Amino acid sequence: MPLPTCRSFCPWLVRYYLASSPKRALHSALAELPLIRRSLIEHEALIGEAGVPQLLRKTGWIKLFRSEATLANALRDRDRAKQYGVEGETLDSRDIAEREPALTGDFAGGIYWPTPGFVPDPGALAKAYAALFARKGGRFLVGDARTLEQRNGGWRIAGANGAIVAREIVVALGPWSDQVFGPLGYSIPLAVKRGYHLHLQPRGNAVLNHPVLDSDQGFLLAPMNRGIRLTAGVEFARRDAPPTPIQLERALPARAAPSPRAKSSWRWGRGRIRCLVRSDMRSRSR
């Protein structure tokens, strides 16, 4: 992170650090737990109504550890999670090989979390939800969210075909939300965390059966419809700063760095899954 950016982020980072203490993190997690438990139920209902059951895979996910020390810490976290009804299964190297035969590496062990599901094509699911919304009478209107103003006990936005008026609004613009709530006088401590991903094309008959997180190396693989997605950690940066996918470059060896028509095997530290690299790198802000 450049020094000027670091300075601007410091006050927020201090608050973030303080909010991440074990006591405060547990308080936050318990507050979110009812929503998290309900989220899969709600998505299952919506996915069924939208007619796209193939876009939810309930395979669970695996968290891998390369050292006995990090595994021991994770097992304590697993035992703590169990107190709140979150079940996890301990895996040794043989279990890992059985669940993911195409994945090799020197892993001390892992934890399999069986309950969560994942979406192999988020874009397709968003389009399916949009179509369901329209079938149920919803309308999509185009307007400039930055023109939002409060008027006569409601809200008004300048639309492409005239004013749009509503009693209630939801601002869901991610890192651009401050362009809406700032002029309205709201001061929300919002900072931007950016991330990057790319897709890998399996070689031969190699498959990945679950989303897999390499906890020690800090990146995740997931079997998506477009290939195996490699997702790196977050980057603190200004919202509109140029992309800096250095984490992806570190996860991939130089000869497999993301570039057009790259055709080298992708190595995962000391582990490996047989893949070819594709050139569809994406960045995202949140």
C-alpha atoms as a PDB file:
ATOM      1  CA  MET A   1       0.000   0.000   0.000  1.00  0.00           C
ATOM      2  CA  PRO A   2       1.495   3.413  -0.964  1.00  0.00           C
ATOM      3  CA  LEU A   3       2.357   5.642   2.001  1.00  0.00           C
ATOM      4  CA  PRO A   4      -0.295   8.342   1.250  1.00  0.00           C
ATOM      5  CA  THR A   5      -2.971   5.654   1.000  1.00  0.00           C
ATOM      6  CA  CYS A   6      -1.725   4.038   4.196  1.00  0.00           C
ATOM      7  CA  ARG A   7      -2.013   7.336   6.045  1.00  0.00           C
ATOM      8  CA  SER A   8      -5.578   7.886   4.860  1.00  0.00           C
ATOM      9  CA  PHE A   9      -6.517   4.349   5.896  1.00  0.00           C
ATOM     10  CA  CYS A  10      -4.866   4.469   9.327  1.00  0.00           C
ATOM     11  CA  PRO A  11      -7.836   5.753  11.388  1.00  0.00           C
ATOM     12  CA  TRP A  12     -10.141   3.159   9.834  1.00  0.00           C
ATOM     13  CA  LEU A  13      -7.557   0.389  10.195  1.00  0.00           C
ATOM     14  CA  VAL A  14      -7.157   1.169  13.903  1.00  0.00           C
ATOM     15  CA  ARG A  15     -10.915   0.878  14.412  1.00  0.00           C
ATOM     16  CA  TYR A  16     -10.911  -2.324  12.341  1.00  0.00           C
ATOM     17  CA  TYR A  17      -8.108  -3.769  14.481  1.00  0.00           C
ATOM     18  CA  LEU A  18      -9.872  -2.913  17.733  1.00  0.00           C
ATOM     19  CA  ALA A  19     -13.130  -4.424  16.455  1.00  0.00           C
ATOM     20  CA  SER A  20     -11.221  -7.633  15.634  1.00  0.00           C
ATOM     21  CA  SER A  21     -10.267  -8.436  19.225  1.00  0.00           C
ATOM     22  CA  PRO A  22     -11.433 -11.936  20.289  1.00  0.00           C
ATOM     23  CA  LYS A  23     -14.215 -10.536  22.483  1.00  0.00           C
ATOM     24  CA  ARG A  24     -15.560  -8.133  19.873  1.00  0.00           C
ATOM     25  CA  ALA A  25     -15.157 -10.614  17.030  1.00  0.00           C
ATOM     26  CA  LEU A  26     -17.193 -13.186  18.961  1.00  0.00           C
ATOM     27  CA  HIS A  27     -19.870 -10.590  19.699  1.00  0.00           C
ATOM     28  CA  SER A  28     -20.074  -9.718  16.004  1.00  0.00           C
ATOM     29  CA  ALA A  29     -20.147 -13.371  14.945  1.00  0.00           C
ATOM     30  CA  LEU A  30     -22.991 -14.195  17.335  1.00  0.00           C
ATOM     31  CA  ALA A  31     -24.960 -11.199  16.076  1.00  0.00           C
ATOM     32  CA  GLU A  32     -24.534 -12.409  12.492  1.00  0.00           C
ATOM     33  CA  LEU A  33     -25.139 -16.109  13.190  1.00  0.00           C
ATOM     34  CA  PRO A  34     -28.960 -16.016  12.859  1.00  0.00           C
ATOM     35  CA  LEU A  35     -28.635 -14.255   9.488  1.00  0.00           C
ATOM     36  CA  ILE A  36     -25.993 -16.703   8.283  1.00  0.00           C
ATOM     37  CA  ARG A  37     -28.072 -19.709   9.322  1.00  0.00           C
ATOM     38  CA  ARG A  38     -31.119 -18.298   7.586  1.00  0.00           C
ATOM     39  CA  SER A  39     -29.297 -17.239   4.414  1.00  0.00           C
ATOM     40  CA  LEU A  40     -28.954 -20.746   2.969  1.00  0.00           C
ATOM     41  CA  ILE A  41     -32.620 -21.497   3.669  1.00  0.00           C
ATOM     42  CA  GLU A  42     -33.733 -18.289   1.967  1.00  0.00           C
ATOM     43  CA  HIS A  43     -31.471 -18.839  -1.032  1.00  0.00           C
ATOM     44  CA  GLU A  44     -32.690 -22.409  -1.431  1.00  0.00           C
ATOM     45  CA  ALA A  45     -36.268 -21.154  -1.580  1.00  0.00           C
ATOM     46  CA  LEU A  46     -35.442 -18.398  -4.083  1.00  0.00           C
ATOM     47  CA  ILE A  47     -33.307 -20.694  -6.233  1.00  0.00           C
ATOM     48  CA  GLY A  48     -36.121 -23.216  -6.351  1.00  0.00           C
ATOM     49  CA  GLU A  49     -38.644 -20.536  -7.289  1.00  0.00           C
ATOM     50  CA  ALA A  50     -36.279 -19.170  -9.932  1.00  0.00           C
ATOM     51  CA  GLY A  51     -35.946 -22.667 -11.414  1.00  0.00           C
ATOM     52  CA  VAL A  52     -32.133 -22.907 -11.219  1.00  0.00           C
ATOM     53  CA  PRO A  53     -31.374 -25.625  -8.614  1.00  0.00           C
ATOM     54  CA  GLN A  54     -28.105 -26.411 -10.424  1.00  0.00           C
ATOM     55  CA  LEU A  55     -26.715 -23.078  -9.252  1.00  0.00           C
ATOM     56  CA  LEU A  56     -26.480 -24.204  -5.620  1.00  0.00           C
ATOM     57  CA  ARG A  57     -24.016 -26.920  -4.655  1.00  0.00           C
ATOM     58  CA  LYS A  58     -24.277 -28.155  -1.089  1.00  0.00           C
ATOM     59  CA  THR A  59     -20.895 -29.837  -0.896  1.00  0.00           C
ATOM     60  CA  GLY A  60     -19.465 -27.935   2.059  1.00  0.00           C
ATOM     61  CA  TRP A  61     -15.896 -26.629   1.932  1.00  0.00           C
ATOM     62  CA  ILE A  62     -12.434 -27.575   3.177  1.00  0.00           C
ATOM     63  CA  LYS A  63      -9.888 -25.510   5.085  1.00  0.00           C
ATOM     64  CA  LEU A  64      -6.328 -26.843   4.801  1.00  0.00           C
ATOM     65  CA  PHE A  65      -3.307 -26.250   7.034  1.00  0.00           C
ATOM     66  CA  ARG A  66       0.359 -26.791   6.280  1.00  0.00           C
ATOM     67  CA  SER A  67       1.744 -26.780   9.834  1.00  0.00           C
ATOM     68  CA  GLU A  68       0.809 -28.531  13.048  1.00  0.00           C
ATOM     69  CA  ALA A  69       0.673 -25.164  14.828  1.00  0.00           C
ATOM     70  CA  THR A  70      -1.922 -23.615  12.507  1.00  0.00           C
ATOM     71  CA  LEU A  71      -3.908 -26.850  12.533  1.00  0.00           C
ATOM     72  CA  ALA A  72      -3.940 -26.892  16.346  1.00  0.00           C
ATOM     73  CA  ASN A  73      -5.272 -23.319  16.418  1.00  0.00           C
ATOM     74  CA  ALA A  74      -7.936 -24.244  13.874  1.00  0.00           C
ATOM     75  CA  LEU A  75      -9.045 -27.243  15.912  1.00  0.00           C
ATOM     76  CA  ARG A  76      -9.585 -24.984  18.912  1.00  0.00           C
ATOM     77  CA  ASP A  77     -11.670 -22.679  16.719  1.00  0.00           C
ATOM     78  CA  ARG A  78     -13.639 -25.700  15.468  1.00  0.00           C
ATOM     79  CA  ASP A  79     -14.399 -26.774  19.049  1.00  0.00           C
ATOM     80  CA  ARG A  80     -15.517 -23.244  19.844  1.00  0.00           C
ATOM     81  CA  ALA A  81     -17.768 -23.158  16.773  1.00  0.00           C
ATOM     82  CA  LYS A  82     -19.333 -26.467  17.793  1.00  0.00           C
ATOM     83  CA  GLN A  83     -20.633 -24.797  20.951  1.00  0.00           C
ATOM     84  CA  TYR A  84     -22.821 -22.671  18.676  1.00  0.00           C
ATOM     85  CA  GLY A  85     -24.077 -25.501  16.495  1.00  0.00           C
ATOM     86  CA  VAL A  86     -21.482 -25.215  13.698  1.00  0.00           C
ATOM     87  CA  GLU A  87     -20.130 -28.676  12.957  1.00  0.00           C
ATOM     88  CA  GLY A  88     -16.720 -29.379  11.440  1.00  0.00           C
ATOM     89  CA  GLU A  89     -14.923 -32.643  10.643  1.00  0.00           C
ATOM     90  CA  THR A  90     -11.172 -33.065  11.151  1.00  0.00           C
ATOM     91  CA  LEU A  91      -9.252 -34.397   8.141  1.00  0.00           C
ATOM     92  CA  ASP A  92      -5.839 -36.035   8.025  1.00  0.00           C
ATOM     93  CA  SER A  93      -3.709 -36.343   4.886  1.00  0.00           C
ATOM     94  CA  ARG A  94      -5.475 -39.553   3.846  1.00  0.00           C
ATOM     95  CA  ASP A  95      -8.908 -37.934   4.229  1.00  0.00           C
ATOM     96  CA  ILE A  96      -7.770 -34.973   2.152  1.00  0.00           C
ATOM     97  CA  ALA A  97      -6.533 -37.267  -0.600  1.00  0.00           C
ATOM     98  CA  GLU A  98      -9.841 -39.156  -0.634  1.00  0.00           C
ATOM     99  CA  ARG A  99     -11.923 -35.994  -0.906  1.00  0.00           C
ATOM    100  CA  GLU A 100      -9.606 -34.238  -3.368  1.00  0.00           C
ATOM    101  CA  PRO A 101      -7.519 -36.839  -5.247  1.00  0.00           C
ATOM    102  CA  ALA A 102      -6.254 -34.281  -7.794  1.00  0.00           C
ATOM    103  CA  LEU A 103      -4.783 -32.115  -5.046  1.00  0.00           C
ATOM    104  CA  THR A 104      -1.311 -32.883  -3.707  1.00  0.00           C
ATOM    105  CA  GLY A 105       0.771 -31.154  -1.077  1.00  0.00           C
ATOM    106  CA  ASP A 106       2.347 -31.356   2.364  1.00  0.00           C
ATOM    107  CA  PHE A 107      -0.670 -30.652   4.543  1.00  0.00           C
ATOM    108  CA  ALA A 108      -0.722 -31.255   8.288  1.00  0.00           C
ATOM    109  CA  GLY A 109      -4.490 -31.648   8.111  1.00  0.00           C
ATOM    110  CA  GLY A 110      -7.719 -29.859   7.462  1.00  0.00           C
ATOM    111  CA  ILE A 111     -11.263 -29.185   8.557  1.00  0.00           C
ATOM    112  CA  TYR A 112     -14.294 -30.022   6.447  1.00  0.00           C
ATOM    113  CA  TRP A 113     -17.291 -27.777   7.026  1.00  0.00           C
ATOM    114  CA  PRO A 114     -20.256 -29.738   5.617  1.00  0.00           C
ATOM    115  CA  THR A 115     -23.176 -27.332   5.981  1.00  0.00           C
ATOM    116  CA  PRO A 116     -22.456 -24.384   3.641  1.00  0.00           C
ATOM    117  CA  GLY A 117     -23.374 -24.358  -0.014  1.00  0.00           C
ATOM    118  CA  PHE A 118     -21.758 -22.368  -2.784  1.00  0.00           C
ATOM    119  CA  VAL A 119     -22.820 -20.855  -6.103  1.00  0.00           C
ATOM    120  CA  PRO A 120     -20.764 -21.983  -9.144  1.00  0.00           C
ATOM    121  CA  ASP A 121     -21.954 -19.068 -11.315  1.00  0.00           C
ATOM    122  CA  PRO A 122     -22.890 -15.915  -9.332  1.00  0.00           C
ATOM    123  CA  GLY A 123     -23.648 -13.954 -12.504  1.00  0.00           C
ATOM    124  CA  ALA A 124     -26.127 -16.548 -13.718  1.00  0.00           C
ATOM    125  CA  LEU A 125     -27.808 -16.610 -10.315  1.00  0.00           C
ATOM    126  CA  ALA A 126     -28.138 -12.816 -10.260  1.00  0.00           C
ATOM    127  CA  LYS A 127     -29.777 -12.936 -13.707  1.00  0.00           C
ATOM    128  CA  ALA A 128     -32.128 -15.717 -12.551  1.00  0.00           C
ATOM    129  CA  TYR A 129     -33.142 -13.666  -9.510  1.00  0.00           C
ATOM    130  CA  ALA A 130     -33.686 -10.615 -11.734  1.00  0.00           C
ATOM    131  CA  ALA A 131     -35.935 -12.648 -14.032  1.00  0.00           C
ATOM    132  CA  LEU A 132     -37.884 -13.951 -11.030  1.00  0.00           C
ATOM    133  CA  PHE A 133     -38.280 -10.398  -9.744  1.00  0.00           C
ATOM    134  CA  ALA A 134     -39.701  -9.320 -13.092  1.00  0.00           C
ATOM    135  CA  ARG A 135     -42.066 -12.315 -13.263  1.00  0.00           C
ATOM    136  CA  LYS A 136     -43.458 -11.352  -9.876  1.00  0.00           C
ATOM    137  CA  GLY A 137     -44.238  -7.819 -11.046  1.00  0.00           C
ATOM    138  CA  GLY A 138     -40.996  -6.018 -10.232  1.00  0.00           C
ATOM    139  CA  ARG A 139     -39.667  -3.279 -12.499  1.00  0.00           C
ATOM    140  CA  PHE A 140     -36.139  -2.128 -13.303  1.00  0.00           C
ATOM    141  CA  LEU A 141     -35.764   1.626 -13.732  1.00  0.00           C
ATOM    142  CA  VAL A 142     -32.599   3.511 -14.664  1.00  0.00           C
ATOM    143  CA  GLY A 143     -31.604   6.622 -12.751  1.00  0.00           C
ATOM    144  CA  ASP A 144     -28.667   8.441 -11.188  1.00  0.00           C
ATOM    145  CA  ALA A 145     -28.433   7.321  -7.561  1.00  0.00           C
ATOM    146  CA  ARG A 146     -26.378  10.420  -6.726  1.00  0.00           C
ATOM    147  CA  THR A 147     -29.497  12.562  -7.245  1.00  0.00           C
ATOM    148  CA  LEU A 148     -31.276  10.879  -4.334  1.00  0.00           C
ATOM    149  CA  GLU A 149     -33.050  13.376  -2.091  1.00  0.00           C
ATOM    150  CA  GLN A 150     -35.589  13.236   0.696  1.00  0.00           C
ATOM    151  CA  ARG A 151     -38.879  14.911  -0.103  1.00  0.00           C
ATOM    152  CA  ASN A 152     -42.402  14.878   1.390  1.00  0.00           C
ATOM    153  CA  GLY A 153     -41.653  12.017   3.751  1.00  0.00           C
ATOM    154  CA  GLY A 154     -40.253   9.842   0.980  1.00  0.00           C
ATOM    155  CA  TRP A 155     -37.376   9.665  -1.469  1.00  0.00           C
ATOM    156  CA  ARG A 156     -36.849  10.918  -4.992  1.00  0.00           C
ATOM    157  CA  ILE A 157     -34.319  10.087  -7.723  1.00  0.00           C
ATOM    158  CA  ALA A 158     -33.924  11.589 -11.176  1.00  0.00           C
ATOM    159  CA  GLY A 159     -34.681   8.802 -13.633  1.00  0.00           C
ATOM    160  CA  ALA A 160     -34.001   8.481 -17.331  1.00  0.00           C
ATOM    161  CA  ASN A 161     -37.738   8.885 -18.016  1.00  0.00           C
ATOM    162  CA  GLY A 162     -38.682  11.193 -15.168  1.00  0.00           C
ATOM    163  CA  ALA A 163     -38.538  11.251 -11.395  1.00  0.00           C
ATOM    164  CA  ILE A 164     -38.704   8.008  -9.414  1.00  0.00           C
ATOM    165  CA  VAL A 165     -40.412   8.320  -6.041  1.00  0.00           C
ATOM    166  CA  ALA A 166     -40.496   5.747  -3.225  1.00  0.00           C
ATOM    167  CA  ARG A 167     -41.366   5.605   0.449  1.00  0.00           C
ATOM    168  CA  GLU A 168     -38.249   3.592   1.331  1.00  0.00           C
ATOM    169  CA  ILE A 169     -34.918   2.976  -0.383  1.00  0.00           C
ATOM    170  CA  VAL A 170     -32.001   0.574  -0.047  1.00  0.00           C
ATOM    171  CA  VAL A 171     -28.532   1.788  -1.011  1.00  0.00           C
ATOM    172  CA  ALA A 172     -26.645  -1.250  -2.305  1.00  0.00           C
ATOM    173  CA  LEU A 173     -23.773   0.266  -4.253  1.00  0.00           C
ATOM    174  CA  GLY A 174     -20.897  -1.296  -2.338  1.00  0.00           C
ATOM    175  CA  PRO A 175     -17.802   0.938  -2.312  1.00  0.00           C
ATOM    176  CA  TRP A 176     -19.654   3.625  -4.281  1.00  0.00           C
ATOM    177  CA  SER A 177     -22.345   4.022  -1.598  1.00  0.00           C
ATOM    178  CA  ASP A 178     -20.639   7.075  -0.111  1.00  0.00           C
ATOM    179  CA  GLN A 179     -21.500   9.011  -3.272  1.00  0.00           C
ATOM    180  CA  VAL A 180     -25.141   8.647  -2.200  1.00  0.00           C
ATOM    181  CA  PHE A 181     -25.159   8.851   1.585  1.00  0.00           C
ATOM    182  CA  GLY A 182     -22.382  11.460   1.857  1.00  0.00           C
ATOM    183  CA  PRO A 183     -24.361  14.341   0.282  1.00  0.00           C
ATOM    184  CA  LEU A 184     -27.312  13.377   2.498  1.00  0.00           C
ATOM    185  CA  GLY A 185     -25.241  14.097   5.594  1.00  0.00           C
ATOM    186  CA  TYR A 186     -24.510  10.547   6.690  1.00  0.00           C
ATOM    187  CA  SER A 187     -20.982   9.798   7.909  1.00  0.00           C
ATOM    188  CA  ILE A 188     -20.488   6.030   7.656  1.00  0.00           C
ATOM    189  CA  PRO A 189     -16.957   4.645   8.284  1.00  0.00           C
ATOM    190  CA  LEU A 190     -16.743   2.876   4.945  1.00  0.00           C
ATOM    191  CA  ALA A 191     -13.431   1.694   3.514  1.00  0.00           C
ATOM    192  CA  VAL A 192     -12.690  -0.385   0.436  1.00  0.00           C
ATOM    193  CA  LYS A 193     -11.297  -3.910   0.385  1.00  0.00           C
ATOM    194  CA  ARG A 194     -10.488  -5.103  -3.104  1.00  0.00           C
ATOM    195  CA  GLY A 195      -9.804  -8.616  -4.310  1.00  0.00           C
ATOM    196  CA  TYR A 196      -8.783 -10.466  -7.451  1.00  0.00           C
ATOM    197  CA  HIS A 197      -9.507 -13.818  -9.018  1.00  0.00           C
ATOM    198  CA  LEU A 198      -8.821 -15.775 -12.172  1.00  0.00           C
ATOM    199  CA  HIS A 199     -10.041 -19.069 -13.602  1.00  0.00           C
ATOM    200  CA  LEU A 200      -7.954 -22.158 -14.241  1.00  0.00           C
ATOM    201  CA  GLN A 201      -8.815 -24.805 -16.811  1.00  0.00           C
ATOM    202  CA  PRO A 202      -8.403 -28.369 -15.487  1.00  0.00           C
ATOM    203  CA  ARG A 203      -5.927 -30.548 -17.337  1.00  0.00           C
ATOM    204  CA  GLY A 204      -6.959 -34.078 -18.279  1.00  0.00           C
ATOM    205  CA  ASN A 205      -9.463 -35.557 -15.852  1.00  0.00           C
ATOM    206  CA  ALA A 206      -8.461 -33.429 -12.853  1.00  0.00           C
ATOM    207  CA  VAL A 207     -11.404 -32.122 -10.817  1.00  0.00           C
ATOM    208  CA  LEU A 208     -11.927 -30.159  -7.639  1.00  0.00           C
ATOM    209  CA  ASN A 209     -14.887 -31.385  -5.594  1.00  0.00           C
ATOM    210  CA  HIS A 210     -15.136 -28.642  -2.951  1.00  0.00           C
ATOM    211  CA  PRO A 211     -14.068 -25.070  -2.417  1.00  0.00           C
ATOM    212  CA  VAL A 212     -10.670 -25.413  -0.745  1.00  0.00           C
ATOM    213  CA  LEU A 213      -8.909 -22.738   1.316  1.00  0.00           C
ATOM    214  CA  ASP A 214      -5.164 -22.885   1.831  1.00  0.00           C
ATOM    215  CA  SER A 215      -5.200 -21.112   5.177  1.00  0.00           C
ATOM    216  CA  ASP A 216      -1.434 -20.734   5.526  1.00  0.00           C
ATOM    217  CA  GLN A 217      -0.886 -19.451   1.987  1.00  0.00           C
ATOM    218  CA  GLY A 218      -3.984 -17.243   2.009  1.00  0.00           C
ATOM    219  CA  PHE A 219      -5.948 -18.121  -1.125  1.00  0.00           C
ATOM    220  CA  LEU A 220      -8.890 -20.254  -2.148  1.00  0.00           C
ATOM    221  CA  LEU A 221      -9.818 -22.572  -5.012  1.00  0.00           C
ATOM    222  CA  ALA A 222     -13.433 -23.181  -6.016  1.00  0.00           C
ATOM    223  CA  PRO A 223     -14.922 -25.372  -8.774  1.00  0.00           C
ATOM    224  CA  MET A 224     -16.912 -22.886 -10.845  1.00  0.00           C
ATOM    225  CA  ASN A 225     -18.794 -23.348 -14.106  1.00  0.00           C
ATOM    226  CA  ARG A 226     -16.063 -21.410 -15.929  1.00  0.00           C
ATOM    227  CA  GLY A 227     -13.231 -23.442 -14.427  1.00  0.00           C
ATOM    228  CA  ILE A 228     -11.410 -23.567 -11.122  1.00  0.00           C
ATOM    229  CA  ARG A 229     -11.405 -20.116  -9.585  1.00  0.00           C
ATOM    230  CA  LEU A 230      -8.333 -18.935  -7.716  1.00  0.00           C
ATOM    231  CA  THR A 231      -9.182 -16.129  -5.289  1.00  0.00           C
ATOM    232  CA  ALA A 232      -6.510 -14.200  -3.416  1.00  0.00           C
ATOM    233  CA  GLY A 233      -6.806 -12.247  -0.179  1.00  0.00           C
ATOM    234  CA  VAL A 234      -8.083  -8.702   0.188  1.00  0.00           C
ATOM    235  CA  GLU A 235      -6.217  -5.546  -0.732  1.00  0.00           C
ATOM    236  CA  PHE A 236      -6.720  -2.226   1.045  1.00  0.00           C
ATOM    237  CA  ALA A 237      -6.652   0.482  -1.613  1.00  0.00           C
ATOM    238  CA  ARG A 238      -8.470   3.534  -2.820  1.00  0.00           C
ATOM    239  CA  ARG A 239     -11.647   2.627  -4.649  1.00  0.00           C
ATOM    240  CA  ASP A 240     -10.564   3.820  -8.082  1.00  0.00           C
ATOM    241  CA  ALA A 241      -6.850   3.033  -7.811  1.00  0.00           C
ATOM    242  CA  PRO A 242      -5.340   0.973 -10.674  1.00  0.00           C
ATOM    243  CA  PRO A 243      -5.478  -2.803 -10.124  1.00  0.00           C
ATOM    244  CA  THR A 244      -2.458  -4.383  -8.448  1.00  0.00           C
ATOM    245  CA  PRO A 245      -2.965  -8.171  -8.600  1.00  0.00           C
ATOM    246  CA  ILE A 246       0.324  -8.905  -6.827  1.00  0.00           C
ATOM    247  CA  GLN A 247      -1.304 -11.555  -4.623  1.00  0.00           C
ATOM    248  CA  LEU A 248      -2.319 -13.596  -7.659  1.00  0.00           C
ATOM    249  CA  GLU A 249       1.162 -13.251  -9.097  1.00  0.00           C
ATOM    250  CA  ARG A 250       2.612 -14.586  -5.846  1.00  0.00           C
ATOM    251  CA  ALA A 251       0.171 -17.499  -5.805  1.00  0.00           C
ATOM    252  CA  LEU A 252       1.195 -18.469  -9.336  1.00  0.00           C
ATOM    253  CA  PRO A 253       4.771 -19.214 -10.433  1.00  0.00           C
ATOM    254  CA  ALA A 254       6.203 -16.809 -12.978  1.00  0.00           C
ATOM    255  CA  ARG A 255       5.715 -19.164 -15.898  1.00  0.00           C
ATOM    256  CA  ALA A 256       1.993 -19.490 -15.071  1.00  0.00           C
ATOM    257  CA  ALA A 257       1.250 -15.835 -14.410  1.00  0.00           C
ATOM    258  CA  PRO A 258      -2.066 -14.655 -15.916  1.00  0.00           C
ATOM    259  CA  SER A 259      -1.459 -13.735 -19.541  1.00  0.00           C
ATOM    260  CA  PRO A 260      -3.197 -14.444 -22.857  1.00  0.00           C
ATOM    261  CA  ARG A 261      -3.047 -18.090 -23.919  1.00  0.00           C
ATOM    262  CA  ALA A 262      -0.820 -19.109 -20.996  1.00  0.00           C
ATOM    263  CA  LYS A 263      -0.398 -22.881 -21.011  1.00  0.00           C
ATOM    264  CA  SER A 264       1.722 -23.845 -18.050  1.00  0.00           C
ATOM    265  CA  SER A 265       0.808 -25.993 -15.089  1.00  0.00           C
ATOM    266  CA  TRP A 266      -0.344 -24.141 -12.010  1.00  0.00           C
ATOM    267  CA  ARG A 267       1.430 -24.990  -8.771  1.00  0.00           C
ATOM    268  CA  TRP A 268       0.004 -24.415  -5.312  1.00  0.00           C
ATOM    269  CA  GLY A 269       3.072 -23.830  -3.144  1.00  0.00           C
ATOM    270  CA  ARG A 270       4.355 -27.336  -2.558  1.00  0.00           C
ATOM    271  CA  GLY A 271       0.983 -28.720  -3.634  1.00  0.00           C
ATOM    272  CA  ARG A 272      -0.418 -28.938  -7.108  1.00  0.00           C
ATOM    273  CA  ILE A 273      -3.620 -29.539  -8.996  1.00  0.00           C
ATOM    274  CA  ARG A 274      -3.362 -30.243 -12.703  1.00  0.00           C
ATOM    275  CA  CYS A 275      -4.624 -27.086 -14.419  1.00  0.00           C
ATOM    276  CA  LEU A 276      -4.006 -24.733 -17.285  1.00  0.00           C
ATOM    277  CA  VAL A 277      -4.167 -20.996 -16.721  1.00  0.00           C
ATOM    278  CA  ARG A 278      -6.749 -18.940 -18.573  1.00  0.00           C
ATOM    279  CA  SER A 279      -6.536 -15.220 -19.165  1.00  0.00           C
ATOM    280  CA  ASP A 280      -9.848 -14.157 -17.598  1.00  0.00           C
ATOM    281  CA  MET A 281      -8.516 -12.352 -14.549  1.00  0.00           C
ATOM    282  CA  ARG A 282     -11.080 -10.219 -12.748  1.00  0.00           C
ATOM    283  CA  SER A 283     -10.888  -7.672  -9.953  1.00  0.00           C
ATOM    284  CA  ARG A 284     -13.647  -6.776  -7.550  1.00  0.00           C
ATOM    285  CA  SER A 285     -14.271  -4.217  -4.822  1.00  0.00           C
ATOM    286  CA  ARG A 286     -16.306  -4.676  -1.703  1.00  0.00           C
END
